[in-house]
Amino acid sequence: MKTTALRLYGKRDLRLETFELPAMGDDEILARVVTDSLCLSSWKEANQGEDHKKVPDDVALNPIVIGHEFCGEILAVGKKWQHKFHPGQRYVIQANLQLPDRPDCPGYSFQWVGGEATHVVIPDEVMTQDCLLPWEGDTWFEGSLVEPLSCVIGAFNANYHLQEGTYNHTMGIRPQGRTLILGGTGPMGLLAIDYALHGPINPSLLVVTDTNKPKLSYARRHYPSEPQTLIHYLDGHDASRETLMALTGGHGFDDIFVFVPKEELITLASSLLAADGCLNFFAGPQDKTV
């Protein structure tokens, strides 16, 4: 079967090509891709090319298909997986395979599978790691958002707080605590706001800052306060340390997420932490030496 895909050959070397997929093996699955959402991790991957830890060193000779936030339909299933999947079934992929021996992931490491393709051959590793997930949602695009939402959920789960009087940690944001999201009205920030308001653990106070006024207005309109959570939206230009600290009654924030890779925001965030507060630098720079 022919596919058209965006393939990475090296640093800033992306090519849209049509080529023949190999025959599906007994342990593989043939599928079509319907939606693939755009992630800045793919921009980082394109900039770094073979220097990216998930991109093979020989990518110039064996290009990979980029895109890792995709949703589609299964067309054919190899014998090994026919007990679990069937043609016509919709799917999403959790791209972070967590392989024990290498960092390979769809959209970074494989020649025949990635979101920026019309058709793909899904390798055995994806199913073995239980990362091919049936999708029963209403729309394809919502399926594509499963992967970025999982990153936000992972960030919230990674925060932790000491159990008073012990050396034990409780994972997650502090229940009914005070949460701050700096630079929080981009795509990932909106997911974080939604999860803070409607996820399993809710803060009593949620403060969101950004410097983009239209995005702030959008967030304010779509994510108002909930009975269990009071939310404030502030223009980042006006969100001084004193202003933010005053919203907490001088106590500081229990959980802070920084969604923009800016040094000054990290400095500000660290000064706003309450006792036993947890700072999560969600957005990292491409150059780790910076």
C-alpha atoms as a PDB file:
ATOM      1  CA  MET A   1       0.000   0.000   0.000  1.00  0.00           C
ATOM      2  CA  LYS A   2       1.190   3.504  -0.814  1.00  0.00           C
ATOM      3  CA  THR A   3       1.364   6.191   1.830  1.00  0.00           C
ATOM      4  CA  THR A   4       2.138   9.893   1.761  1.00  0.00           C
ATOM      5  CA  ALA A   5       4.120  11.027   4.780  1.00  0.00           C
ATOM      6  CA  LEU A   6       6.317  13.779   6.174  1.00  0.00           C
ATOM      7  CA  ARG A   7       9.705  12.185   6.768  1.00  0.00           C
ATOM      8  CA  LEU A   8      12.723  13.417   8.709  1.00  0.00           C
ATOM      9  CA  TYR A   9      16.172  12.940   7.118  1.00  0.00           C
ATOM     10  CA  GLY A  10      18.210  15.097   9.491  1.00  0.00           C
ATOM     11  CA  LYS A  11      18.375  18.524  11.088  1.00  0.00           C
ATOM     12  CA  ARG A  12      15.674  20.704   9.530  1.00  0.00           C
ATOM     13  CA  ASP A  13      15.411  18.249   6.648  1.00  0.00           C
ATOM     14  CA  LEU A  14      11.744  17.338   6.298  1.00  0.00           C
ATOM     15  CA  ARG A  15      10.362  15.899   3.061  1.00  0.00           C
ATOM     16  CA  LEU A  16       6.790  15.160   2.027  1.00  0.00           C
ATOM     17  CA  GLU A  17       6.992  11.922   0.063  1.00  0.00           C
ATOM     18  CA  THR A  18       4.801   9.182  -1.351  1.00  0.00           C
ATOM     19  CA  PHE A  19       6.216   5.667  -1.053  1.00  0.00           C
ATOM     20  CA  GLU A  20       5.260   2.018  -0.717  1.00  0.00           C
ATOM     21  CA  LEU A  21       4.791   0.577   2.756  1.00  0.00           C
ATOM     22  CA  PRO A  22       6.262  -2.886   3.405  1.00  0.00           C
ATOM     23  CA  ALA A  23       3.870  -5.817   3.665  1.00  0.00           C
ATOM     24  CA  MET A  24       2.296  -6.075   7.107  1.00  0.00           C
ATOM     25  CA  GLY A  25       3.824  -8.816   9.252  1.00  0.00           C
ATOM     26  CA  ASP A  26       1.955 -11.315  11.422  1.00  0.00           C
ATOM     27  CA  ASP A  27       2.783  -9.234  14.495  1.00  0.00           C
ATOM     28  CA  GLU A  28       1.905  -5.846  12.952  1.00  0.00           C
ATOM     29  CA  ILE A  29      -1.199  -3.776  12.191  1.00  0.00           C
ATOM     30  CA  LEU A  30      -2.035  -1.752   9.075  1.00  0.00           C
ATOM     31  CA  ALA A  31      -3.941   1.473   9.728  1.00  0.00           C
ATOM     32  CA  ARG A  32      -4.931   4.809   8.286  1.00  0.00           C
ATOM     33  CA  VAL A  33      -4.369   8.105  10.076  1.00  0.00           C
ATOM     34  CA  VAL A  34      -7.250  10.575  10.232  1.00  0.00           C
ATOM     35  CA  THR A  35      -5.928  13.304  12.552  1.00  0.00           C
ATOM     36  CA  ASP A  36      -2.528  14.278  13.922  1.00  0.00           C
ATOM     37  CA  SER A  37      -2.213  17.312  16.167  1.00  0.00           C
ATOM     38  CA  LEU A  38       0.843  19.548  16.050  1.00  0.00           C
ATOM     39  CA  CYS A  39       3.285  19.370  18.953  1.00  0.00           C
ATOM     40  CA  LEU A  40       6.311  21.584  19.576  1.00  0.00           C
ATOM     41  CA  SER A  41       8.207  18.423  20.498  1.00  0.00           C
ATOM     42  CA  SER A  42       8.131  17.664  16.764  1.00  0.00           C
ATOM     43  CA  TRP A  43       9.649  21.100  16.099  1.00  0.00           C
ATOM     44  CA  LYS A  44      12.407  20.262  18.576  1.00  0.00           C
ATOM     45  CA  GLU A  45      12.877  16.892  16.862  1.00  0.00           C
ATOM     46  CA  ALA A  46      13.130  18.534  13.433  1.00  0.00           C
ATOM     47  CA  ASN A  47      15.708  21.023  14.703  1.00  0.00           C
ATOM     48  CA  GLN A  48      17.874  18.415  16.424  1.00  0.00           C
ATOM     49  CA  GLY A  49      17.593  15.635  13.849  1.00  0.00           C
ATOM     50  CA  GLU A  50      19.906  12.725  14.596  1.00  0.00           C
ATOM     51  CA  ASP A  51      21.102  14.474  17.791  1.00  0.00           C
ATOM     52  CA  HIS A  52      17.666  13.939  19.349  1.00  0.00           C
ATOM     53  CA  LYS A  53      17.801  11.008  21.758  1.00  0.00           C
ATOM     54  CA  LYS A  54      14.799   9.304  20.149  1.00  0.00           C
ATOM     55  CA  VAL A  55      15.882   9.755  16.517  1.00  0.00           C
ATOM     56  CA  PRO A  56      18.090   7.010  15.004  1.00  0.00           C
ATOM     57  CA  ASP A  57      21.664   7.915  14.075  1.00  0.00           C
ATOM     58  CA  ASP A  58      21.123   6.622  10.524  1.00  0.00           C
ATOM     59  CA  VAL A  59      18.035   8.737   9.849  1.00  0.00           C
ATOM     60  CA  ALA A  60      19.666  10.192   6.715  1.00  0.00           C
ATOM     61  CA  LEU A  61      19.596   6.704   5.155  1.00  0.00           C
ATOM     62  CA  ASN A  62      16.466   5.405   6.885  1.00  0.00           C
ATOM     63  CA  PRO A  63      14.164   8.404   7.392  1.00  0.00           C
ATOM     64  CA  ILE A  64      11.437   8.279  10.020  1.00  0.00           C
ATOM     65  CA  VAL A  65       7.841   9.521   9.897  1.00  0.00           C
ATOM     66  CA  ILE A  66       7.196  12.367  12.331  1.00  0.00           C
ATOM     67  CA  GLY A  67       4.029  13.060  14.333  1.00  0.00           C
ATOM     68  CA  HIS A  68       3.023  11.368  17.573  1.00  0.00           C
ATOM     69  CA  GLU A  69      -0.434  12.720  18.456  1.00  0.00           C
ATOM     70  CA  PHE A  70      -2.598  10.743  16.077  1.00  0.00           C
ATOM     71  CA  CYS A  71      -5.920   8.990  15.809  1.00  0.00           C
ATOM     72  CA  GLY A  72      -7.174   6.737  13.044  1.00  0.00           C
ATOM     73  CA  GLU A  73      -8.761   3.497  11.890  1.00  0.00           C
ATOM     74  CA  ILE A  74      -7.372  -0.034  11.787  1.00  0.00           C
ATOM     75  CA  LEU A  75      -7.460  -1.591   8.309  1.00  0.00           C
ATOM     76  CA  ALA A  76      -5.886  -5.022   8.830  1.00  0.00           C
ATOM     77  CA  VAL A  77      -4.537  -7.000  11.788  1.00  0.00           C
ATOM     78  CA  GLY A  78      -1.716  -9.553  11.842  1.00  0.00           C
ATOM     79  CA  LYS A  79      -2.393 -12.988  13.337  1.00  0.00           C
ATOM     80  CA  LYS A  80      -0.687 -12.220  16.652  1.00  0.00           C
ATOM     81  CA  TRP A  81      -3.116  -9.443  17.539  1.00  0.00           C
ATOM     82  CA  GLN A  82      -6.396 -10.614  16.015  1.00  0.00           C
ATOM     83  CA  HIS A  83      -7.676 -11.598  19.471  1.00  0.00           C
ATOM     84  CA  LYS A  84      -7.484  -7.965  20.564  1.00  0.00           C
ATOM     85  CA  PHE A  85      -7.982  -5.729  17.508  1.00  0.00           C
ATOM     86  CA  HIS A  86     -10.102  -5.829  14.352  1.00  0.00           C
ATOM     87  CA  PRO A  87     -10.492  -3.925  11.057  1.00  0.00           C
ATOM     88  CA  GLY A  88     -12.723  -0.873  11.346  1.00  0.00           C
ATOM     89  CA  GLN A  89     -11.728  -0.247  14.950  1.00  0.00           C
ATOM     90  CA  ARG A  90     -10.651   3.299  15.796  1.00  0.00           C
ATOM     91  CA  TYR A  91      -7.433   3.797  17.721  1.00  0.00           C
ATOM     92  CA  VAL A  92      -5.075   6.231  19.385  1.00  0.00           C
ATOM     93  CA  ILE A  93      -1.421   5.618  20.206  1.00  0.00           C
ATOM     94  CA  GLN A  94       0.320   6.417  23.468  1.00  0.00           C
ATOM     95  CA  ALA A  95       3.623   7.332  21.857  1.00  0.00           C
ATOM     96  CA  ASN A  96       5.743   7.041  24.998  1.00  0.00           C
ATOM     97  CA  LEU A  97       6.344   3.294  24.717  1.00  0.00           C
ATOM     98  CA  GLN A  98       8.722   2.999  27.688  1.00  0.00           C
ATOM     99  CA  LEU A  99      10.693   0.203  26.029  1.00  0.00           C
ATOM    100  CA  PRO A 100      13.153  -1.370  28.476  1.00  0.00           C
ATOM    101  CA  ASP A 101      16.181  -1.234  26.174  1.00  0.00           C
ATOM    102  CA  ARG A 102      15.801   1.872  23.995  1.00  0.00           C
ATOM    103  CA  PRO A 103      13.919   5.195  23.807  1.00  0.00           C
ATOM    104  CA  ASP A 104      12.133   4.444  20.508  1.00  0.00           C
ATOM    105  CA  CYS A 105       8.691   6.011  20.019  1.00  0.00           C
ATOM    106  CA  PRO A 106       6.261   6.415  17.096  1.00  0.00           C
ATOM    107  CA  GLY A 107       6.815   9.766  15.445  1.00  0.00           C
ATOM    108  CA  TYR A 108      10.505   9.766  16.354  1.00  0.00           C
ATOM    109  CA  SER A 109      12.107   6.415  15.679  1.00  0.00           C
ATOM    110  CA  PHE A 110      10.164   4.300  13.174  1.00  0.00           C
ATOM    111  CA  GLN A 111      10.204   4.290   9.375  1.00  0.00           C
ATOM    112  CA  TRP A 112       6.647   3.132   8.838  1.00  0.00           C
ATOM    113  CA  VAL A 113       4.577   4.712  11.605  1.00  0.00           C
ATOM    114  CA  GLY A 114       3.984   8.328  12.584  1.00  0.00           C
ATOM    115  CA  GLY A 115       1.107  10.766  12.673  1.00  0.00           C
ATOM    116  CA  GLU A 116       2.111  12.752   9.595  1.00  0.00           C
ATOM    117  CA  ALA A 117       1.173   9.939   7.210  1.00  0.00           C
ATOM    118  CA  THR A 118      -1.939   8.788   5.402  1.00  0.00           C
ATOM    119  CA  HIS A 119      -1.315   5.094   6.143  1.00  0.00           C
ATOM    120  CA  VAL A 120       1.040   3.344   8.586  1.00  0.00           C
ATOM    121  CA  VAL A 121       2.272  -0.066   9.658  1.00  0.00           C
ATOM    122  CA  ILE A 122       2.164  -0.223  13.456  1.00  0.00           C
ATOM    123  CA  PRO A 123       5.021  -2.372  14.824  1.00  0.00           C
ATOM    124  CA  ASP A 124       4.725  -5.132  17.401  1.00  0.00           C
ATOM    125  CA  GLU A 125       6.401  -3.004  20.088  1.00  0.00           C
ATOM    126  CA  VAL A 126       3.392  -0.669  20.269  1.00  0.00           C
ATOM    127  CA  MET A 127       0.924  -3.461  20.998  1.00  0.00           C
ATOM    128  CA  THR A 128       3.323  -5.334  23.301  1.00  0.00           C
ATOM    129  CA  GLN A 129       3.645  -2.207  25.453  1.00  0.00           C
ATOM    130  CA  ASP A 130      -0.157  -1.871  25.483  1.00  0.00           C
ATOM    131  CA  CYS A 131       0.143   1.497  23.752  1.00  0.00           C
ATOM    132  CA  LEU A 132      -2.375   0.925  20.939  1.00  0.00           C
ATOM    133  CA  LEU A 133      -5.602   2.060  22.573  1.00  0.00           C
ATOM    134  CA  PRO A 134      -9.151   1.620  21.245  1.00  0.00           C
ATOM    135  CA  TRP A 135     -10.801   4.996  20.720  1.00  0.00           C
ATOM    136  CA  GLU A 136     -14.538   5.375  21.287  1.00  0.00           C
ATOM    137  CA  GLY A 137     -14.772   9.154  21.526  1.00  0.00           C
ATOM    138  CA  ASP A 138     -17.061  11.380  19.487  1.00  0.00           C
ATOM    139  CA  THR A 139     -14.428  12.950  17.234  1.00  0.00           C
ATOM    140  CA  TRP A 140     -11.069  12.095  15.711  1.00  0.00           C
ATOM    141  CA  PHE A 141      -9.388  15.296  16.891  1.00  0.00           C
ATOM    142  CA  GLU A 142     -10.212  14.523  20.505  1.00  0.00           C
ATOM    143  CA  GLY A 143      -8.372  11.238  20.042  1.00  0.00           C
ATOM    144  CA  SER A 144      -5.298  13.158  18.936  1.00  0.00           C
ATOM    145  CA  LEU A 145      -5.446  15.154  22.164  1.00  0.00           C
ATOM    146  CA  VAL A 146      -5.122  12.033  24.314  1.00  0.00           C
ATOM    147  CA  GLU A 147      -1.307  12.144  24.087  1.00  0.00           C
ATOM    148  CA  PRO A 148      -0.855  15.805  25.122  1.00  0.00           C
ATOM    149  CA  LEU A 149      -3.470  15.380  27.841  1.00  0.00           C
ATOM    150  CA  SER A 150      -1.494  12.424  29.174  1.00  0.00           C
ATOM    151  CA  CYS A 151       1.525  14.745  29.480  1.00  0.00           C
ATOM    152  CA  VAL A 152      -0.505  17.198  31.561  1.00  0.00           C
ATOM    153  CA  ILE A 153      -1.879  14.408  33.745  1.00  0.00           C
ATOM    154  CA  GLY A 154       1.667  13.116  34.181  1.00  0.00           C
ATOM    155  CA  ALA A 155       2.821  16.562  35.293  1.00  0.00           C
ATOM    156  CA  PHE A 156       0.043  16.838  37.878  1.00  0.00           C
ATOM    157  CA  ASN A 157       0.772  13.314  39.111  1.00  0.00           C
ATOM    158  CA  ALA A 158       4.505  14.083  39.363  1.00  0.00           C
ATOM    159  CA  ASN A 159       4.011  16.897  41.863  1.00  0.00           C
ATOM    160  CA  TYR A 160       4.314  15.802  45.475  1.00  0.00           C
ATOM    161  CA  HIS A 161       4.049  17.003  49.059  1.00  0.00           C
ATOM    162  CA  LEU A 162       5.365  15.739  52.377  1.00  0.00           C
ATOM    163  CA  GLN A 163       2.983  14.138  54.817  1.00  0.00           C
ATOM    164  CA  GLU A 164       3.336  16.331  57.891  1.00  0.00           C
ATOM    165  CA  GLY A 165       5.550  14.838  60.558  1.00  0.00           C
ATOM    166  CA  THR A 166       6.916  12.121  58.264  1.00  0.00           C
ATOM    167  CA  TYR A 167       9.365  11.628  55.415  1.00  0.00           C
ATOM    168  CA  ASN A 168       6.621  10.187  53.219  1.00  0.00           C
ATOM    169  CA  HIS A 169       5.363  11.846  50.055  1.00  0.00           C
ATOM    170  CA  THR A 170       1.815  12.192  48.789  1.00  0.00           C
ATOM    171  CA  MET A 171       1.862  12.326  44.993  1.00  0.00           C
ATOM    172  CA  GLY A 172      -0.199  14.883  43.080  1.00  0.00           C
ATOM    173  CA  ILE A 173      -1.156  18.496  43.638  1.00  0.00           C
ATOM    174  CA  ARG A 174      -2.353  19.433  47.118  1.00  0.00           C
ATOM    175  CA  PRO A 175      -6.117  18.829  47.453  1.00  0.00           C
ATOM    176  CA  GLN A 176      -7.909  22.141  47.986  1.00  0.00           C
ATOM    177  CA  GLY A 177      -4.563  23.887  47.887  1.00  0.00           C
ATOM    178  CA  ARG A 178      -3.399  26.898  45.897  1.00  0.00           C
ATOM    179  CA  THR A 179      -2.221  26.296  42.323  1.00  0.00           C
ATOM    180  CA  LEU A 180      -0.543  28.745  39.928  1.00  0.00           C
ATOM    181  CA  ILE A 181      -0.096  28.245  36.170  1.00  0.00           C
ATOM    182  CA  LEU A 182       2.320  30.738  34.587  1.00  0.00           C
ATOM    183  CA  GLY A 183       2.037  31.194  30.820  1.00  0.00           C
ATOM    184  CA  GLY A 184      -1.067  29.067  30.940  1.00  0.00           C
ATOM    185  CA  THR A 185      -3.309  29.899  27.970  1.00  0.00           C
ATOM    186  CA  GLY A 186      -1.535  27.988  25.208  1.00  0.00           C
ATOM    187  CA  PRO A 187      -2.798  24.541  24.142  1.00  0.00           C
ATOM    188  CA  MET A 188      -1.077  22.692  26.992  1.00  0.00           C
ATOM    189  CA  GLY A 189      -2.003  25.384  29.489  1.00  0.00           C
ATOM    190  CA  LEU A 190      -5.686  25.114  28.590  1.00  0.00           C
ATOM    191  CA  LEU A 191      -5.522  21.356  29.105  1.00  0.00           C
ATOM    192  CA  ALA A 192      -3.922  21.996  32.501  1.00  0.00           C
ATOM    193  CA  ILE A 193      -6.664  24.445  33.487  1.00  0.00           C
ATOM    194  CA  ASP A 194      -9.323  21.946  32.439  1.00  0.00           C
ATOM    195  CA  TYR A 195      -7.636  19.149  34.389  1.00  0.00           C
ATOM    196  CA  ALA A 196      -7.179  21.298  37.490  1.00  0.00           C
ATOM    197  CA  LEU A 197     -10.879  22.186  37.443  1.00  0.00           C
ATOM    198  CA  HIS A 198     -12.324  18.823  36.446  1.00  0.00           C
ATOM    199  CA  GLY A 199      -9.691  16.225  37.334  1.00  0.00           C
ATOM    200  CA  PRO A 200      -9.647  13.994  40.427  1.00  0.00           C
ATOM    201  CA  ILE A 201      -7.833  16.534  42.644  1.00  0.00           C
ATOM    202  CA  ASN A 202      -8.938  20.168  42.623  1.00  0.00           C
ATOM    203  CA  PRO A 203      -7.282  23.209  44.202  1.00  0.00           C
ATOM    204  CA  SER A 204      -9.379  25.705  46.119  1.00  0.00           C
ATOM    205  CA  LEU A 205      -7.557  28.528  44.293  1.00  0.00           C
ATOM    206  CA  LEU A 206      -6.287  28.464  40.708  1.00  0.00           C
ATOM    207  CA  VAL A 207      -4.429  31.457  39.263  1.00  0.00           C
ATOM    208  CA  VAL A 208      -3.510  31.614  35.564  1.00  0.00           C
ATOM    209  CA  THR A 209      -1.276  34.221  33.926  1.00  0.00           C
ATOM    210  CA  ASP A 210      -0.397  35.007  30.324  1.00  0.00           C
ATOM    211  CA  THR A 211       0.610  38.031  28.281  1.00  0.00           C
ATOM    212  CA  ASN A 212      -1.748  37.309  25.363  1.00  0.00           C
ATOM    213  CA  LYS A 213      -5.006  39.135  26.059  1.00  0.00           C
ATOM    214  CA  PRO A 214      -7.174  37.337  23.466  1.00  0.00           C
ATOM    215  CA  LYS A 215      -6.032  33.977  24.850  1.00  0.00           C
ATOM    216  CA  LEU A 216      -6.731  35.142  28.391  1.00  0.00           C
ATOM    217  CA  SER A 217     -10.228  36.175  27.332  1.00  0.00           C
ATOM    218  CA  TYR A 218     -10.763  32.797  25.678  1.00  0.00           C
ATOM    219  CA  ALA A 219      -9.674  30.928  28.800  1.00  0.00           C
ATOM    220  CA  ARG A 220     -11.770  33.141  31.067  1.00  0.00           C
ATOM    221  CA  ARG A 221     -14.823  32.537  28.902  1.00  0.00           C
ATOM    222  CA  HIS A 222     -14.443  28.760  28.607  1.00  0.00           C
ATOM    223  CA  TYR A 223     -13.045  27.899  32.040  1.00  0.00           C
ATOM    224  CA  PRO A 224     -14.839  29.890  34.755  1.00  0.00           C
ATOM    225  CA  SER A 225     -14.682  29.152  38.461  1.00  0.00           C
ATOM    226  CA  GLU A 226     -16.222  25.924  39.710  1.00  0.00           C
ATOM    227  CA  PRO A 227     -17.954  25.407  43.087  1.00  0.00           C
ATOM    228  CA  GLN A 228     -14.797  23.797  44.481  1.00  0.00           C
ATOM    229  CA  THR A 229     -12.267  26.094  42.751  1.00  0.00           C
ATOM    230  CA  LEU A 230     -12.004  29.877  42.539  1.00  0.00           C
ATOM    231  CA  ILE A 231     -10.055  30.885  39.439  1.00  0.00           C
ATOM    232  CA  HIS A 232      -8.313  34.183  38.642  1.00  0.00           C
ATOM    233  CA  TYR A 233      -6.890  35.154  35.238  1.00  0.00           C
ATOM    234  CA  LEU A 234      -4.176  37.821  35.225  1.00  0.00           C
ATOM    235  CA  ASP A 235      -2.304  39.633  32.487  1.00  0.00           C
ATOM    236  CA  GLY A 236       1.311  38.583  32.935  1.00  0.00           C
ATOM    237  CA  HIS A 237       2.466  42.178  32.557  1.00  0.00           C
ATOM    238  CA  ASP A 238       0.542  43.068  35.711  1.00  0.00           C
ATOM    239  CA  ALA A 239       1.185  39.856  37.636  1.00  0.00           C
ATOM    240  CA  SER A 240       3.888  41.026  40.008  1.00  0.00           C
ATOM    241  CA  ARG A 241       5.105  38.900  42.885  1.00  0.00           C
ATOM    242  CA  GLU A 242       3.203  41.100  45.307  1.00  0.00           C
ATOM    243  CA  THR A 243      -0.048  40.808  43.332  1.00  0.00           C
ATOM    244  CA  LEU A 244       0.188  37.044  43.042  1.00  0.00           C
ATOM    245  CA  MET A 245       1.192  36.550  46.659  1.00  0.00           C
ATOM    246  CA  ALA A 246      -1.733  38.706  47.802  1.00  0.00           C
ATOM    247  CA  LEU A 247      -4.177  36.324  46.101  1.00  0.00           C
ATOM    248  CA  THR A 248      -2.975  33.595  48.467  1.00  0.00           C
ATOM    249  CA  GLY A 249      -3.323  35.750  51.562  1.00  0.00           C
ATOM    250  CA  GLY A 250       0.465  35.834  51.828  1.00  0.00           C
ATOM    251  CA  HIS A 251       0.794  32.053  52.141  1.00  0.00           C
ATOM    252  CA  GLY A 252       2.229  31.348  48.681  1.00  0.00           C
ATOM    253  CA  PHE A 253       1.298  28.593  46.236  1.00  0.00           C
ATOM    254  CA  ASP A 254       1.373  24.873  46.960  1.00  0.00           C
ATOM    255  CA  ASP A 255       1.770  23.904  43.294  1.00  0.00           C
ATOM    256  CA  ILE A 256       3.214  25.994  40.470  1.00  0.00           C
ATOM    257  CA  PHE A 257       3.434  24.994  36.808  1.00  0.00           C
ATOM    258  CA  VAL A 258       5.507  27.031  34.343  1.00  0.00           C
ATOM    259  CA  PHE A 259       4.333  26.549  30.760  1.00  0.00           C
ATOM    260  CA  VAL A 260       6.707  28.997  29.068  1.00  0.00           C
ATOM    261  CA  PRO A 261      10.498  28.391  28.954  1.00  0.00           C
ATOM    262  CA  LYS A 262      11.551  31.752  30.376  1.00  0.00           C
ATOM    263  CA  GLU A 263      14.177  32.228  33.061  1.00  0.00           C
ATOM    264  CA  GLU A 264      12.337  35.125  34.672  1.00  0.00           C
ATOM    265  CA  LEU A 265       9.210  33.013  35.141  1.00  0.00           C
ATOM    266  CA  ILE A 266      11.204  30.296  36.894  1.00  0.00           C
ATOM    267  CA  THR A 267      12.688  32.918  39.195  1.00  0.00           C
ATOM    268  CA  LEU A 268       9.251  34.380  39.884  1.00  0.00           C
ATOM    269  CA  ALA A 269       7.740  30.952  40.490  1.00  0.00           C
ATOM    270  CA  SER A 270      10.399  29.933  42.985  1.00  0.00           C
ATOM    271  CA  SER A 271       9.730  33.088  45.005  1.00  0.00           C
ATOM    272  CA  LEU A 272       6.009  32.324  45.211  1.00  0.00           C
ATOM    273  CA  LEU A 273       6.190  28.840  46.711  1.00  0.00           C
ATOM    274  CA  ALA A 274       4.530  28.138  50.032  1.00  0.00           C
ATOM    275  CA  ALA A 275       6.228  25.930  52.605  1.00  0.00           C
ATOM    276  CA  ASP A 276       6.515  22.448  51.052  1.00  0.00           C
ATOM    277  CA  GLY A 277       5.447  23.937  47.712  1.00  0.00           C
ATOM    278  CA  CYS A 278       6.242  22.080  44.484  1.00  0.00           C
ATOM    279  CA  LEU A 279       7.479  23.787  41.297  1.00  0.00           C
ATOM    280  CA  ASN A 280       7.022  21.992  37.970  1.00  0.00           C
ATOM    281  CA  PHE A 281       8.998  23.419  35.042  1.00  0.00           C
ATOM    282  CA  PHE A 282       6.761  21.970  32.340  1.00  0.00           C
ATOM    283  CA  ALA A 283       8.265  23.788  29.345  1.00  0.00           C
ATOM    284  CA  GLY A 284      11.960  23.085  28.795  1.00  0.00           C
ATOM    285  CA  PRO A 285      14.416  24.717  26.351  1.00  0.00           C
ATOM    286  CA  GLN A 286      15.622  22.818  23.275  1.00  0.00           C
ATOM    287  CA  ASP A 287      19.232  23.505  24.215  1.00  0.00           C
ATOM    288  CA  LYS A 288      19.863  21.817  27.570  1.00  0.00           C
ATOM    289  CA  THR A 289      23.115  23.796  28.033  1.00  0.00           C
ATOM    290  CA  VAL A 290      21.249  27.100  28.256  1.00  0.00           C
END
